Amino acid sequence: GTFLGLAKLIAGHVGFEEALGLARRGDSTKVDLLVGDIYGGHHSDLGLPEDAIAAFFGKMARFSAEELQRSATADTMRKEDLMAALLKLVTYSIATTAFLYSKIYLPEHIVFTGNFLTGNVEAEARIAYMVDKRSKGRVVPLFMARGGYFGAMGALLGAVTPSRVLSEPPTLVATTDIQ
């Protein structure tokens, strides 16, 4: 999936657990461009705190290809920081997409499934934080203990249950099968 594929581009031949380990030891603020990096602090006119992400991996745009190559070769650009930024990018994208769907369907809960979340407490915490922040506490994120099996369950239910129009807004199910 998305996370592991990009992790291999960033860090070489890593497995899923190793990629998460690198991310845990990294600091995404060394890679992501923050509001404070642009404005030198809070952007009070728009209510943006200085630690809000303006662009994932945005600090990388400041370097030429040669500078990026030298930094990567000299190990001054830490793989851990890049992996932390990648984990944040993927989890915030999942949370934002789920939140935007919740604006349409108005569920009280969003159920997150997929192998990406199995045992991935950092991802769960970031998704929960973003859903809570974006929905102002209106939507409760739920995480399944064995979420990797729910894609198969959905396919089975779709095969045996005819399509129908729902009379009430459903609980939104967001899959994160993007290892």
Protein backbone atom coordinates (compact mmCIF):
# COMPACT_ATOMS: atom_id res chain seq x y z
CA GLY A 1 0.00 0.00 0.00
CA THR A 2 0.79 3.67 0.07
CA PHE A 3 2.68 3.88 3.36
CA LEU A 4 4.97 0.90 2.80
CA GLY A 5 5.58 1.71 -0.86
CA LEU A 6 6.68 5.25 -0.09
CA ALA A 7 8.62 4.03 2.96
CA LYS A 8 10.67 1.77 0.69
CA LEU A 9 11.41 4.71 -1.61
CA ILE A 10 12.56 6.78 1.36
CA ALA A 11 14.40 4.21 3.47
CA GLY A 12 15.27 1.36 1.13
CA HIS A 13 14.36 -2.24 1.82
CA VAL A 14 12.35 -1.85 5.02
CA GLY A 15 9.44 -3.87 6.31
CA PHE A 16 6.30 -2.39 7.81
CA GLU A 17 7.41 -2.65 11.46
CA GLU A 18 10.84 -1.22 10.67
CA ALA A 19 9.24 1.70 8.81
CA LEU A 20 7.04 2.43 11.84
CA GLY A 21 10.10 2.21 14.10
CA LEU A 22 11.91 4.79 11.99
CA ALA A 23 8.85 7.05 12.09
CA ARG A 24 8.65 6.79 15.89
CA ARG A 25 12.24 8.03 16.19
CA GLY A 26 11.81 10.91 13.73
CA ASP A 27 10.72 14.51 13.90
CA SER A 28 8.37 15.51 11.07
CA THR A 29 8.85 19.23 11.77
CA LYS A 30 12.32 18.95 10.23
CA VAL A 31 10.69 17.95 6.92
CA ASP A 32 7.18 19.46 6.93
CA LEU A 33 6.76 23.17 6.28
CA LEU A 34 4.86 24.74 9.17
CA VAL A 35 2.90 27.99 9.40
CA GLY A 36 5.58 29.28 11.77
CA ASP A 37 8.25 28.61 9.14
CA ILE A 38 6.41 30.92 6.74
CA TYR A 39 5.10 33.65 9.03
CA GLY A 40 7.53 33.40 11.95
CA GLY A 41 4.77 32.43 14.38
CA HIS A 42 0.97 32.23 14.54
CA HIS A 43 -0.98 33.63 11.63
CA SER A 44 -3.56 35.30 13.86
CA ASP A 45 -5.58 36.75 10.97
CA LEU A 46 -6.55 33.23 9.92
CA GLY A 47 -6.37 31.58 13.33
CA LEU A 48 -3.53 29.30 12.29
CA PRO A 49 -1.15 28.14 15.03
CA GLU A 50 2.54 28.18 14.22
CA ASP A 51 2.75 24.38 14.42
CA ALA A 52 0.03 23.82 11.79
CA ILE A 53 1.33 22.00 8.73
CA ALA A 54 1.38 24.27 5.67
CA ALA A 55 2.88 21.60 3.37
CA PHE A 56 3.84 18.00 4.01
CA PHE A 57 7.51 17.57 3.01
CA GLY A 58 7.46 21.30 2.20
CA LYS A 59 10.96 22.00 3.52
CA MET A 60 12.31 19.64 0.86
CA ALA A 61 11.17 22.10 -1.84
CA ARG A 62 13.77 24.58 -0.61
CA PHE A 63 16.61 22.35 -1.78
CA SER A 64 17.93 21.74 -5.27
CA ALA A 65 18.21 18.16 -6.49
CA GLU A 66 21.97 18.30 -5.91
CA GLU A 67 21.54 19.57 -2.34
CA LEU A 68 19.01 16.82 -1.59
CA GLN A 69 21.40 14.20 -2.99
CA ARG A 70 24.32 15.54 -0.92
CA SER A 71 22.19 15.62 2.25
CA ALA A 72 20.95 12.09 1.71
CA THR A 73 24.48 10.87 1.00
CA ALA A 74 25.94 12.69 4.01
CA ASP A 75 23.16 11.38 6.27
CA THR A 76 22.25 14.93 7.33
CA MET A 77 18.74 14.26 6.09
CA ARG A 78 17.54 11.66 8.55
CA LYS A 79 15.38 8.81 7.29
CA GLU A 80 13.62 8.88 10.64
CA ASP A 81 12.41 12.46 10.05
CA LEU A 82 11.25 11.61 6.54
CA MET A 83 9.39 8.55 7.83
CA ALA A 84 7.74 10.57 10.62
CA ALA A 85 6.52 13.04 7.99
CA LEU A 86 5.27 10.19 5.80
CA LEU A 87 3.31 8.62 8.66
CA LYS A 88 1.75 11.98 9.45
CA LEU A 89 0.89 12.59 5.77
CA VAL A 90 -0.83 9.22 5.40
CA THR A 91 -2.74 9.35 8.69
CA TYR A 92 -3.87 12.95 8.28
CA SER A 93 -5.02 12.17 4.73
CA ILE A 94 -7.09 9.22 5.98
CA ALA A 95 -8.60 11.30 8.77
CA THR A 96 -9.36 14.27 6.54
CA THR A 97 -11.00 12.12 3.88
CA ALA A 98 -13.15 10.35 6.47
CA PHE A 99 -14.09 13.67 8.07
CA LEU A 100 -15.12 15.17 4.73
CA TYR A 101 -17.37 12.16 4.05
CA SER A 102 -18.85 12.62 7.52
CA LYS A 103 -19.85 16.17 6.53
CA ILE A 104 -22.01 14.63 3.79
CA TYR A 105 -23.49 11.63 5.61
CA LEU A 106 -23.51 13.00 9.19
CA PRO A 107 -22.66 9.79 11.08
CA GLU A 108 -22.04 9.77 14.81
CA HIS A 109 -19.19 7.29 14.40
CA ILE A 110 -16.55 6.49 11.80
CA VAL A 111 -15.24 2.94 11.86
CA PHE A 112 -11.64 2.65 10.65
CA THR A 113 -10.47 -0.73 9.38
CA GLY A 114 -7.49 -2.13 7.51
CA ASN A 115 -4.16 -3.81 8.16
CA PHE A 116 -2.38 -0.45 8.24
CA LEU A 117 -3.98 0.18 11.64
CA THR A 118 -3.46 -3.28 13.13
CA GLY A 119 -1.14 -2.68 16.08
CA ASN A 120 -0.31 0.80 14.76
CA VAL A 121 -1.12 2.91 17.83
CA GLU A 122 0.60 5.99 16.39
CA ALA A 123 -1.67 5.95 13.33
CA GLU A 124 -4.78 5.38 15.44
CA ALA A 125 -3.85 8.25 17.75
CA ARG A 126 -3.20 10.66 14.87
CA ILE A 127 -6.40 9.70 13.05
CA ALA A 128 -8.43 10.02 16.25
CA TYR A 129 -6.86 13.42 16.97
CA MET A 130 -7.59 14.76 13.49
CA VAL A 131 -11.17 13.46 13.36
CA ASP A 132 -11.88 14.94 16.78
CA LYS A 133 -10.24 18.25 15.88
CA ARG A 134 -11.97 18.58 12.51
CA SER A 135 -15.40 17.50 13.74
CA LYS A 136 -15.10 19.47 17.00
CA GLY A 137 -15.94 16.28 18.88
CA ARG A 138 -19.13 15.59 16.89
CA VAL A 139 -17.82 12.35 15.32
CA VAL A 140 -16.32 9.49 17.29
CA PRO A 141 -13.61 7.43 15.53
CA LEU A 142 -13.72 3.69 16.20
CA PHE A 143 -10.86 1.27 15.52
CA MET A 144 -11.31 -2.46 15.08
CA ALA A 145 -8.94 -4.90 16.79
CA ARG A 146 -8.73 -7.09 13.68
CA GLY A 147 -9.53 -4.45 11.09
CA GLY A 148 -7.63 -6.19 8.31
CA TYR A 149 -10.49 -8.67 7.86
CA PHE A 150 -13.24 -6.11 7.33
CA GLY A 151 -12.58 -5.63 3.60
CA ALA A 152 -13.46 -9.28 3.07
CA MET A 153 -16.57 -8.88 5.24
CA GLY A 154 -17.68 -5.87 3.20
CA ALA A 155 -17.19 -7.77 -0.04
CA LEU A 156 -19.19 -10.70 1.33
CA LEU A 157 -22.03 -8.49 2.53
CA GLY A 158 -22.07 -6.63 -0.78
CA ALA A 159 -22.34 -9.92 -2.66
CA VAL A 160 -25.24 -11.30 -0.63
CA THR A 161 -27.16 -8.10 0.17
CA PRO A 162 -28.89 -6.24 -2.64
CA SER A 163 -28.22 -2.53 -2.89
CA ARG A 164 -30.79 -0.37 -1.16
CA VAL A 165 -31.30 3.24 -0.28
CA LEU A 166 -30.76 3.87 3.43
CA SER A 167 -33.45 5.75 5.31
CA GLU A 168 -30.97 6.97 7.96
CA PRO A 169 -27.37 8.16 7.66
CA PRO A 170 -25.07 5.16 8.04
CA THR A 171 -22.04 4.80 10.24
CA LEU A 172 -19.17 5.67 7.94
CA VAL A 173 -16.59 2.92 7.50
CA ALA A 174 -13.18 4.10 6.32
CA THR A 175 -10.71 1.42 5.30
CA THR A 176 -7.01 2.05 5.72
CA ASP A 177 -5.68 -0.98 3.89
CA ILE A 178 -2.72 1.00 2.59
CA GLN A 179 0.31 -0.77 4.07
